[in-house]
Amino acid sequence: MASAREYQAKAEAQFHKTIKKANDAKQALSPYEVAARATDEKTAKLRALRLAKEAAEAIAAAENKAAKTKPAREKAISKKEAGRES
């Protein structure tokens, strides 16, 4: 028959084997987590760049619209003044 020490040795061996498997599982999951984190960071960076570009385009469009409308008003005023002078 096996003694208490043999049972204890087997239990400890099984415990250490279980701990090793758990650690291996954590390490196997790490590359996936690293890749997912890198993808999330790239997505956030690209989103920020896109939003900045859209904001700059909106400002430029508003300035262009304002610039286009002012000369039209000035032309209308100058035509009225030209009609008065005649």
C-alpha atoms as a PDB file:
ATOM      1  CA  MET A   1       0.000   0.000   0.000  1.00  0.00           C
ATOM      2  CA  ALA A   2       1.034   3.571  -0.605  1.00  0.00           C
ATOM      3  CA  SER A   3       2.025   5.676   2.301  1.00  0.00           C
ATOM      4  CA  ALA A   4       0.746   9.138   3.175  1.00  0.00           C
ATOM      5  CA  ARG A   5       3.914  10.654   1.794  1.00  0.00           C
ATOM      6  CA  GLU A   6       3.347   9.067  -1.602  1.00  0.00           C
ATOM      7  CA  TYR A   7      -0.199  10.413  -1.707  1.00  0.00           C
ATOM      8  CA  GLN A   8       1.068  13.836  -0.725  1.00  0.00           C
ATOM      9  CA  ALA A   9       3.761  13.743  -3.422  1.00  0.00           C
ATOM     10  CA  LYS A  10       1.195  12.767  -6.072  1.00  0.00           C
ATOM     11  CA  ALA A  11      -1.168  15.534  -4.929  1.00  0.00           C
ATOM     12  CA  GLU A  12       1.610  18.114  -5.039  1.00  0.00           C
ATOM     13  CA  ALA A  13       2.693  16.951  -8.496  1.00  0.00           C
ATOM     14  CA  GLN A  14      -0.886  17.231  -9.751  1.00  0.00           C
ATOM     15  CA  PHE A  15      -1.231  20.684  -8.160  1.00  0.00           C
ATOM     16  CA  HIS A  16       1.967  21.949  -9.799  1.00  0.00           C
ATOM     17  CA  LYS A  17       0.851  20.491 -13.128  1.00  0.00           C
ATOM     18  CA  THR A  18      -2.462  22.359 -12.837  1.00  0.00           C
ATOM     19  CA  ILE A  19      -0.677  25.613 -11.960  1.00  0.00           C
ATOM     20  CA  LYS A  20       1.642  25.191 -14.954  1.00  0.00           C
ATOM     21  CA  LYS A  21      -1.321  24.631 -17.300  1.00  0.00           C
ATOM     22  CA  ALA A  22      -3.022  27.771 -15.980  1.00  0.00           C
ATOM     23  CA  ASN A  23       0.124  29.826 -16.553  1.00  0.00           C
ATOM     24  CA  ASP A  24       0.522  28.414 -20.062  1.00  0.00           C
ATOM     25  CA  ALA A  25      -3.082  29.328 -20.835  1.00  0.00           C
ATOM     26  CA  LYS A  26      -2.458  32.912 -19.700  1.00  0.00           C
ATOM     27  CA  GLN A  27       0.643  33.169 -21.877  1.00  0.00           C
ATOM     28  CA  ALA A  28      -1.198  31.727 -24.876  1.00  0.00           C
ATOM     29  CA  LEU A  29      -3.917  34.342 -24.493  1.00  0.00           C
ATOM     30  CA  SER A  30      -1.458  37.226 -24.202  1.00  0.00           C
ATOM     31  CA  PRO A  31      -0.568  37.511 -27.932  1.00  0.00           C
ATOM     32  CA  TYR A  32      -4.270  37.694 -28.753  1.00  0.00           C
ATOM     33  CA  GLU A  33      -4.779  40.428 -26.180  1.00  0.00           C
ATOM     34  CA  VAL A  34      -1.740  42.343 -27.457  1.00  0.00           C
ATOM     35  CA  ALA A  35      -3.019  42.172 -31.037  1.00  0.00           C
ATOM     36  CA  ALA A  36      -6.485  43.287 -29.974  1.00  0.00           C
ATOM     37  CA  ARG A  37      -5.063  46.203 -27.970  1.00  0.00           C
ATOM     38  CA  ALA A  38      -2.888  47.279 -30.927  1.00  0.00           C
ATOM     39  CA  THR A  39      -5.912  47.184 -33.230  1.00  0.00           C
ATOM     40  CA  ASP A  40      -7.941  49.266 -30.789  1.00  0.00           C
ATOM     41  CA  GLU A  41      -5.156  51.846 -30.509  1.00  0.00           C
ATOM     42  CA  LYS A  42      -4.796  52.095 -34.292  1.00  0.00           C
ATOM     43  CA  THR A  43      -8.542  52.461 -34.678  1.00  0.00           C
ATOM     44  CA  ALA A  44      -8.644  55.246 -32.088  1.00  0.00           C
ATOM     45  CA  LYS A  45      -5.747  57.056 -33.776  1.00  0.00           C
ATOM     46  CA  LEU A  46      -7.355  56.812 -37.210  1.00  0.00           C
ATOM     47  CA  ARG A  47     -10.702  57.972 -35.807  1.00  0.00           C
ATOM     48  CA  ALA A  48      -9.049  61.023 -34.259  1.00  0.00           C
ATOM     49  CA  LEU A  49      -7.296  61.844 -37.525  1.00  0.00           C
ATOM     50  CA  ARG A  50     -10.539  61.448 -39.484  1.00  0.00           C
ATOM     51  CA  LEU A  51     -12.458  63.689 -37.103  1.00  0.00           C
ATOM     52  CA  ALA A  52      -9.731  66.337 -37.250  1.00  0.00           C
ATOM     53  CA  LYS A  53      -9.750  66.212 -41.048  1.00  0.00           C
ATOM     54  CA  GLU A  54     -13.540  66.498 -41.180  1.00  0.00           C
ATOM     55  CA  ALA A  55     -13.468  69.464 -38.795  1.00  0.00           C
ATOM     56  CA  ALA A  56     -10.816  71.206 -40.899  1.00  0.00           C
ATOM     57  CA  GLU A  57     -12.827  70.571 -44.062  1.00  0.00           C
ATOM     58  CA  ALA A  58     -15.978  71.928 -42.424  1.00  0.00           C
ATOM     59  CA  ILE A  59     -14.164  75.108 -41.379  1.00  0.00           C
ATOM     60  CA  ALA A  60     -12.678  75.509 -44.853  1.00  0.00           C
ATOM     61  CA  ALA A  61     -16.073  74.968 -46.456  1.00  0.00           C
ATOM     62  CA  ALA A  62     -17.651  77.574 -44.179  1.00  0.00           C
ATOM     63  CA  GLU A  63     -14.900  80.061 -45.014  1.00  0.00           C
ATOM     64  CA  ASN A  64     -15.268  79.385 -48.732  1.00  0.00           C
ATOM     65  CA  LYS A  65     -19.018  79.817 -48.515  1.00  0.00           C
ATOM     66  CA  ALA A  66     -18.623  83.100 -46.653  1.00  0.00           C
ATOM     67  CA  ALA A  67     -15.992  84.273 -49.134  1.00  0.00           C
ATOM     68  CA  LYS A  68     -18.236  83.437 -52.099  1.00  0.00           C
ATOM     69  CA  THR A  69     -21.284  85.198 -50.710  1.00  0.00           C
ATOM     70  CA  LYS A  70     -19.538  88.484 -49.914  1.00  0.00           C
ATOM     71  CA  PRO A  71     -18.415  89.257 -53.483  1.00  0.00           C
ATOM     72  CA  ALA A  72     -21.903  88.541 -54.784  1.00  0.00           C
ATOM     73  CA  ARG A  73     -23.333  91.166 -52.452  1.00  0.00           C
ATOM     74  CA  GLU A  74     -20.615  93.610 -53.438  1.00  0.00           C
ATOM     75  CA  LYS A  75     -21.417  93.041 -57.133  1.00  0.00           C
ATOM     76  CA  ALA A  76     -25.085  93.724 -56.525  1.00  0.00           C
ATOM     77  CA  ILE A  77     -24.282  96.905 -54.641  1.00  0.00           C
ATOM     78  CA  SER A  78     -21.875  98.087 -57.306  1.00  0.00           C
ATOM     79  CA  LYS A  79     -24.503  97.436 -60.021  1.00  0.00           C
ATOM     80  CA  LYS A  80     -27.031  99.530 -58.113  1.00  0.00           C
ATOM     81  CA  GLU A  81     -24.486 102.305 -57.691  1.00  0.00           C
ATOM     82  CA  ALA A  82     -23.619 102.127 -61.389  1.00  0.00           C
ATOM     83  CA  GLY A  83     -27.311 102.477 -62.250  1.00  0.00           C
ATOM     84  CA  ARG A  84     -27.612 105.561 -60.074  1.00  0.00           C
ATOM     85  CA  GLU A  85     -24.640 107.221 -61.713  1.00  0.00           C
ATOM     86  CA  SER A  86     -26.041 106.832 -65.212  1.00  0.00           C
END
